């Protein structure tokens, strides 16, 4: 669920030329616990071999060069309206264990496809060039998201009413680090006795969440459904329930005296106008230690999870991949 109105729909927006994000004290970053599940207890087998097989001698710049070459094949053809981009790369960095980066971008707005392409390129570059990438993946991910957001604002690309949600998964040896800004989702399958259950590795950042709802309100956002903004329901009475029970008219974010931008998410990269009412790029980050009881993980956009639960997705993948 992206923006309701594009610039073409609402005409010229009367906003200050120097649009700035509200001060950082208005952005409360949720701290997730760092998960550490049972270790493999030496029973690594093929699982461990696959995670640690690749070493390399390249540095971060070599990794960036390779990344650009590999990812070019995922660019949509000229004029394509394709917005969602998913791409994976293996980045050999010195003598470290194999590092795999998987990223998913869900663009929105008139220039959503271009924003997704921009972020796809810059986010991984910023991550690799961060001096703390090898020692503190959490801090490196956080800095890379914010740097990419600033670069998109500074670019000639119009991100006033366009942007992209972003979720990235770094797998370094047996450690998995998930950084999410937006309403895409990462889930992992875990064996529990005879069952394989879904575990959410990210929490959708939308106004359905009480903490996100209160945060954006403190930043000046009006939070209303389309029915409320169009006068079909009382704007003074909260009319939505939970995300699971969404009736197709979710709560959206609006400026104080306008019918825009109408984002149904509360974090993203880009969206410079929405940023003035609390739509920030700050990612929420989860760290997980992988074990042999984790057969696979999935990253997908809200277009999947609007219709399927995390468990339903895991069940589908299990039937297809495991049997």
Protein backbone atom coordinates (compact mmCIF):
# COMPACT_ATOMS: atom_id res chain seq x y z
CA UNK A 1 0.00 0.00 0.00
CA UNK A 2 1.72 3.16 -1.16
CA UNK A 3 0.70 6.76 -1.68
CA UNK A 4 -2.86 7.59 -2.60
CA UNK A 5 -2.25 10.83 -4.44
CA UNK A 6 0.65 11.66 -6.72
CA UNK A 7 1.87 15.17 -7.49
CA UNK A 8 -0.12 15.06 -10.72
CA UNK A 9 -3.31 14.44 -8.75
CA UNK A 10 -2.97 17.24 -6.21
CA UNK A 11 -1.18 19.87 -8.30
CA UNK A 12 1.61 22.06 -7.01
CA UNK A 13 2.24 21.55 -3.33
CA UNK A 14 2.83 24.69 -1.33
CA UNK A 15 5.67 23.62 0.95
CA UNK A 16 8.89 25.38 1.96
CA UNK A 17 11.76 24.79 -0.45
CA UNK A 18 13.99 23.74 2.41
CA UNK A 19 12.06 20.71 3.57
CA UNK A 20 13.69 19.20 6.63
CA UNK A 21 12.97 16.23 8.78
CA UNK A 22 11.75 16.99 12.26
CA UNK A 23 14.40 16.81 14.94
CA UNK A 24 15.68 13.36 15.84
CA UNK A 25 14.09 13.42 19.29
CA UNK A 26 10.73 12.99 17.53
CA UNK A 27 11.90 9.71 16.06
CA UNK A 28 11.81 6.88 18.52
CA UNK A 29 13.78 3.94 17.20
CA UNK A 30 12.39 0.66 18.46
CA UNK A 31 15.05 -1.56 19.94
CA UNK A 32 14.55 -5.23 19.21
CA UNK A 33 16.14 -7.90 21.37
CA UNK A 34 19.07 -9.73 19.82
CA UNK A 35 17.99 -13.31 19.33
CA UNK A 36 20.45 -16.10 20.02
CA UNK A 37 18.95 -19.53 19.47
CA UNK A 38 20.55 -22.82 20.42
CA UNK A 39 23.86 -23.40 18.71
CA UNK A 40 24.54 -26.31 16.40
CA UNK A 41 26.57 -28.05 19.14
CA UNK A 42 29.10 -29.14 16.59
CA UNK A 43 26.57 -30.84 14.32
CA UNK A 44 27.18 -28.54 11.39
CA UNK A 45 27.38 -30.90 8.45
CA UNK A 46 26.40 -29.58 5.07
CA UNK A 47 24.62 -26.59 6.62
CA UNK A 48 27.82 -25.26 8.12
CA UNK A 49 29.82 -26.00 4.98
CA UNK A 50 27.41 -24.00 2.85
CA UNK A 51 27.54 -21.02 5.18
CA UNK A 52 31.33 -20.88 5.43
CA UNK A 53 32.55 -22.24 2.12
CA UNK A 54 33.38 -18.95 0.46
CA UNK A 55 36.36 -16.86 1.33
CA UNK A 56 37.85 -14.10 -0.80
CA UNK A 57 40.60 -11.58 -1.19
CA UNK A 58 38.60 -8.65 -2.53
CA UNK A 59 38.08 -5.42 -0.63
CA UNK A 60 34.86 -3.42 -0.29
CA UNK A 61 35.46 -1.43 -3.52
CA UNK A 62 35.90 -4.68 -5.44
CA UNK A 63 32.68 -5.89 -3.89
CA UNK A 64 30.89 -2.74 -5.03
CA UNK A 65 32.22 -3.15 -8.58
CA UNK A 66 31.05 -6.74 -8.67
CA UNK A 67 27.71 -5.75 -7.16
CA UNK A 68 27.11 -3.19 -9.90
CA UNK A 69 27.95 -5.72 -12.61
CA UNK A 70 25.79 -8.48 -11.16
CA UNK A 71 22.79 -6.32 -10.31
CA UNK A 72 22.63 -4.64 -13.74
CA UNK A 73 20.84 -7.65 -15.16
CA UNK A 74 17.90 -6.98 -12.81
CA UNK A 75 17.17 -3.52 -14.20
CA UNK A 76 13.73 -3.34 -15.83
CA UNK A 77 13.55 -2.48 -19.53
CA UNK A 78 13.28 1.17 -20.53
CA UNK A 79 9.80 2.52 -19.88
CA UNK A 80 8.82 -0.42 -17.70
CA UNK A 81 6.36 0.31 -14.90
CA UNK A 82 7.87 -2.43 -12.76
CA UNK A 83 8.44 -1.07 -9.26
CA UNK A 84 9.34 -4.02 -7.05
CA UNK A 85 12.97 -5.09 -7.21
CA UNK A 86 14.46 -8.10 -5.49
CA UNK A 87 18.10 -8.96 -5.89
CA UNK A 88 20.74 -11.01 -4.14
CA UNK A 89 24.51 -10.84 -4.28
CA UNK A 90 27.44 -12.66 -2.72
CA UNK A 91 30.09 -10.24 -1.54
CA UNK A 92 33.55 -11.71 -0.75
CA UNK A 93 35.32 -9.43 1.71
CA UNK A 94 38.86 -10.37 2.68
CA UNK A 95 39.17 -13.57 4.70
CA UNK A 96 35.77 -13.23 6.34
CA UNK A 97 33.16 -16.00 6.05
CA UNK A 98 30.70 -15.82 3.22
CA UNK A 99 28.58 -12.69 3.34
CA UNK A 100 25.32 -12.74 1.44
CA UNK A 101 23.18 -9.65 1.03
CA UNK A 102 19.55 -9.97 -0.03
CA UNK A 103 17.51 -6.83 -0.53
CA UNK A 104 13.91 -6.13 -1.43
CA UNK A 105 12.58 -2.74 -2.50
CA UNK A 106 8.92 -1.83 -3.02
CA UNK A 107 8.64 1.52 -4.79
CA UNK A 108 5.60 3.79 -4.74
CA UNK A 109 4.51 7.08 -6.23
CA UNK A 110 5.06 8.53 -9.68
CA UNK A 111 8.82 7.90 -9.57
CA UNK A 112 8.74 4.78 -7.42
CA UNK A 113 10.59 2.62 -9.95
CA UNK A 114 13.41 5.14 -10.23
CA UNK A 115 13.61 5.52 -6.45
CA UNK A 116 13.85 1.74 -6.07
CA UNK A 117 16.67 1.59 -8.61
CA UNK A 118 18.53 4.42 -6.89
CA UNK A 119 18.23 2.83 -3.45
CA UNK A 120 19.15 -0.61 -4.79
CA UNK A 121 22.48 0.76 -5.95
CA UNK A 122 23.30 3.15 -3.13
CA UNK A 123 22.21 1.16 -0.08
CA UNK A 124 24.63 -1.70 -0.59
CA UNK A 125 27.43 0.69 -1.58
CA UNK A 126 26.93 2.64 1.63
CA UNK A 127 26.87 -0.56 3.63
CA UNK A 128 30.11 -1.87 2.16
CA UNK A 129 31.89 1.45 2.55
CA UNK A 130 30.90 1.85 6.20
CA UNK A 131 33.98 1.49 8.40
CA UNK A 132 32.02 -0.59 10.92
CA UNK A 133 30.61 -3.07 8.42
CA UNK A 134 32.94 -5.91 9.47
CA UNK A 135 32.60 -5.32 13.21
CA UNK A 136 29.09 -3.95 13.82
CA UNK A 137 26.54 -4.91 11.17
CA UNK A 138 23.68 -3.33 13.12
CA UNK A 139 25.28 0.11 13.25
CA UNK A 140 26.46 -0.19 9.64
CA UNK A 141 22.94 -1.03 8.42
CA UNK A 142 21.42 1.85 10.34
CA UNK A 143 23.96 4.34 8.95
CA UNK A 144 23.57 2.98 5.40
CA UNK A 145 19.79 3.47 5.42
CA UNK A 146 20.08 7.06 6.63
CA UNK A 147 22.91 7.90 4.21
CA UNK A 148 20.94 6.47 1.28
CA UNK A 149 17.90 8.48 2.28
CA UNK A 150 19.96 11.69 2.35
CA UNK A 151 21.49 10.89 -1.05
CA UNK A 152 18.06 10.33 -2.58
CA UNK A 153 16.87 13.69 -1.24
CA UNK A 154 19.95 15.39 -2.70
CA UNK A 155 19.61 13.75 -6.11
CA UNK A 156 17.78 15.34 -9.04
CA UNK A 157 15.23 12.54 -8.84
CA UNK A 158 11.93 13.92 -7.50
CA UNK A 159 11.21 12.03 -4.28
CA UNK A 160 8.75 14.57 -2.87
CA UNK A 161 5.85 12.16 -3.34
CA UNK A 162 7.77 9.01 -4.30
CA UNK A 163 10.07 6.61 -2.53
CA UNK A 164 10.54 2.99 -1.63
CA UNK A 165 10.26 0.72 1.35
CA UNK A 166 13.37 -1.37 1.89
CA UNK A 167 14.28 -4.55 3.70
CA UNK A 168 17.72 -6.11 3.65
CA UNK A 169 19.07 -9.34 5.08
CA UNK A 170 22.78 -9.84 5.70
CA UNK A 171 23.98 -13.38 6.31
CA UNK A 172 27.51 -13.45 7.72
CA UNK A 173 28.49 -17.00 8.60
CA UNK A 174 25.64 -18.17 10.83
CA UNK A 175 24.53 -14.68 11.85
CA UNK A 176 21.52 -13.16 10.10
CA UNK A 177 20.87 -9.41 10.37
CA UNK A 178 17.55 -7.98 9.15
CA UNK A 179 17.09 -4.22 8.65
CA UNK A 180 13.64 -2.99 7.66
CA UNK A 181 12.14 0.38 6.79
CA UNK A 182 8.52 0.07 5.67
CA UNK A 183 5.86 -2.59 5.36
CA UNK A 184 7.69 -5.37 3.57
CA UNK A 185 8.42 -8.37 5.76
CA UNK A 186 11.06 -10.99 6.49
CA UNK A 187 10.11 -14.34 7.97
CA UNK A 188 12.10 -17.46 8.78
CA UNK A 189 10.99 -21.07 9.03
CA UNK A 190 11.94 -22.97 12.18
CA UNK A 191 11.58 -26.67 12.88
CA UNK A 192 9.79 -27.41 16.14
CA UNK A 193 9.39 -31.13 16.63
CA UNK A 194 7.38 -32.31 13.60
CA UNK A 195 6.20 -28.85 12.56
CA UNK A 196 7.80 -26.01 10.66
CA UNK A 197 6.57 -22.69 12.03
CA UNK A 198 6.93 -19.13 10.77
CA UNK A 199 8.79 -16.55 12.84
CA UNK A 200 8.54 -12.89 11.86
CA UNK A 201 11.93 -11.19 11.63
CA UNK A 202 10.39 -7.76 11.04
CA UNK A 203 7.26 -5.94 12.13
CA UNK A 204 5.35 -3.97 9.50
CA UNK A 205 5.82 -0.26 10.12
CA UNK A 206 2.31 1.12 9.64
CA UNK A 207 -0.17 3.23 11.63
CA UNK A 208 -1.81 -0.03 12.74
CA UNK A 209 1.06 -0.22 15.25
CA UNK A 210 0.29 1.88 18.31
CA UNK A 211 3.91 2.96 18.75
CA UNK A 212 4.19 4.09 15.14
CA UNK A 213 0.77 5.76 15.28
CA UNK A 214 1.75 7.85 18.30
CA UNK A 215 5.18 8.68 16.85
CA UNK A 216 3.86 10.11 13.56
CA UNK A 217 1.12 12.03 15.38
CA UNK A 218 3.80 13.69 17.48
CA UNK A 219 5.47 14.69 14.21
CA UNK A 220 2.30 16.43 13.01
CA UNK A 221 0.62 13.74 10.92
CA UNK A 222 -3.13 13.31 10.68
CA UNK A 223 -3.94 9.60 10.61
CA UNK A 224 -7.21 8.85 8.82
CA UNK A 225 -8.64 6.28 6.44
CA UNK A 226 -9.81 7.25 2.96
CA UNK A 227 -13.42 7.08 4.12
CA UNK A 228 -12.58 9.53 6.89
CA UNK A 229 -10.61 11.92 4.71
CA UNK A 230 -13.47 11.95 2.16
CA UNK A 231 -16.12 12.59 4.81
CA UNK A 232 -17.80 9.19 4.71
CA UNK A 233 -16.83 8.41 8.31
CA UNK A 234 -16.31 10.52 11.41
CA UNK A 235 -12.67 11.74 11.34
CA UNK A 236 -12.67 12.13 15.12
CA UNK A 237 -13.36 8.45 15.83
CA UNK A 238 -10.76 5.77 15.10
CA UNK A 239 -12.51 3.37 12.74
CA UNK A 240 -9.81 0.78 12.04
CA UNK A 241 -9.00 -2.33 13.97
CA UNK A 242 -5.98 -4.56 13.46
CA UNK A 243 -3.90 -5.12 10.37
CA UNK A 244 -5.09 -8.72 10.22
CA UNK A 245 -8.70 -7.52 10.10
CA UNK A 246 -8.08 -4.73 7.56
CA UNK A 247 -11.14 -4.15 5.38
CA UNK A 248 -9.20 -2.58 2.53
CA UNK A 249 -9.26 0.95 3.93
CA UNK A 250 -6.20 1.19 6.19
CA UNK A 251 -5.16 4.23 8.22
CA UNK A 252 -3.00 6.63 6.23
CA UNK A 253 -0.82 9.64 6.96
CA UNK A 254 -1.84 13.14 5.84
CA UNK A 255 -0.40 16.62 6.28
CA UNK A 256 -2.34 18.91 8.57
CA UNK A 257 -4.19 20.92 5.92
CA UNK A 258 -4.06 18.76 2.81
CA UNK A 259 -5.16 15.51 1.23
CA UNK A 260 -1.66 14.14 0.70
CA UNK A 261 0.58 12.15 0.83
CA UNK A 262 -1.72 9.35 2.07
CA UNK A 263 0.99 6.78 2.87
CA UNK A 264 -0.18 3.58 4.53
CA UNK A 265 3.33 2.95 5.92
CA UNK A 266 5.19 5.00 8.52
CA UNK A 267 8.79 4.47 7.38
CA UNK A 268 10.45 4.49 3.98
CA UNK A 269 13.40 5.84 2.01
CA UNK A 270 12.60 8.99 0.05
CA UNK A 271 9.12 10.55 0.45
CA UNK A 272 10.55 13.94 1.43
CA UNK A 273 7.11 15.48 2.03
CA UNK A 274 5.90 12.56 4.11
CA UNK A 275 9.17 12.79 6.03
CA UNK A 276 8.04 16.14 7.46
CA UNK A 277 5.18 14.32 9.22
CA UNK A 278 7.24 11.44 10.59
CA UNK A 279 7.78 8.98 7.73
CA UNK A 280 11.44 8.28 8.45
CA UNK A 281 14.09 5.98 6.99
CA UNK A 282 15.37 4.70 10.36
CA UNK A 283 15.35 0.90 10.10
CA UNK A 284 14.35 -1.53 12.81
CA UNK A 285 16.96 -4.26 13.09
CA UNK A 286 16.85 -7.86 14.28
CA UNK A 287 19.82 -10.23 14.68
CA UNK A 288 19.37 -14.00 14.66
CA UNK A 289 21.80 -16.91 14.99
CA UNK A 290 20.99 -19.50 12.33
CA UNK A 291 20.89 -23.19 13.15
CA UNK A 292 20.17 -26.39 11.25
CA UNK A 293 16.53 -25.95 12.36
CA UNK A 294 16.15 -22.96 10.00
CA UNK A 295 15.58 -24.45 6.53
CA UNK A 296 14.77 -21.18 4.74
CA UNK A 297 13.67 -17.58 5.07
CA UNK A 298 11.46 -15.35 2.92
CA UNK A 299 11.35 -11.63 2.17
CA UNK A 300 8.32 -10.19 0.39
CA UNK A 301 6.29 -7.00 0.11
CA UNK A 302 2.97 -6.12 1.68
CA UNK A 303 1.39 -7.25 -1.59
CA UNK A 304 1.96 -10.81 -0.37
CA UNK A 305 1.26 -10.40 3.32
CA UNK A 306 -1.96 -8.44 2.77
CA UNK A 307 -3.46 -11.73 1.61
CA UNK A 308 -1.34 -14.45 3.22
CA UNK A 309 -0.21 -14.91 6.79
CA UNK A 310 3.44 -15.57 7.56
CA UNK A 311 2.58 -19.17 8.37
CA UNK A 312 0.72 -19.62 5.09
CA UNK A 313 3.79 -18.39 3.19
CA UNK A 314 6.07 -20.78 5.07
CA UNK A 315 3.68 -23.67 4.38
CA UNK A 316 3.65 -22.85 0.66
CA UNK A 317 7.44 -22.65 0.44
CA UNK A 318 7.79 -25.86 2.43
CA UNK A 319 5.54 -27.73 0.02
CA UNK A 320 7.45 -26.42 -2.99
CA UNK A 321 11.02 -26.61 -1.69
CA UNK A 322 11.02 -29.41 0.84
CA UNK A 323 8.04 -31.54 -0.04
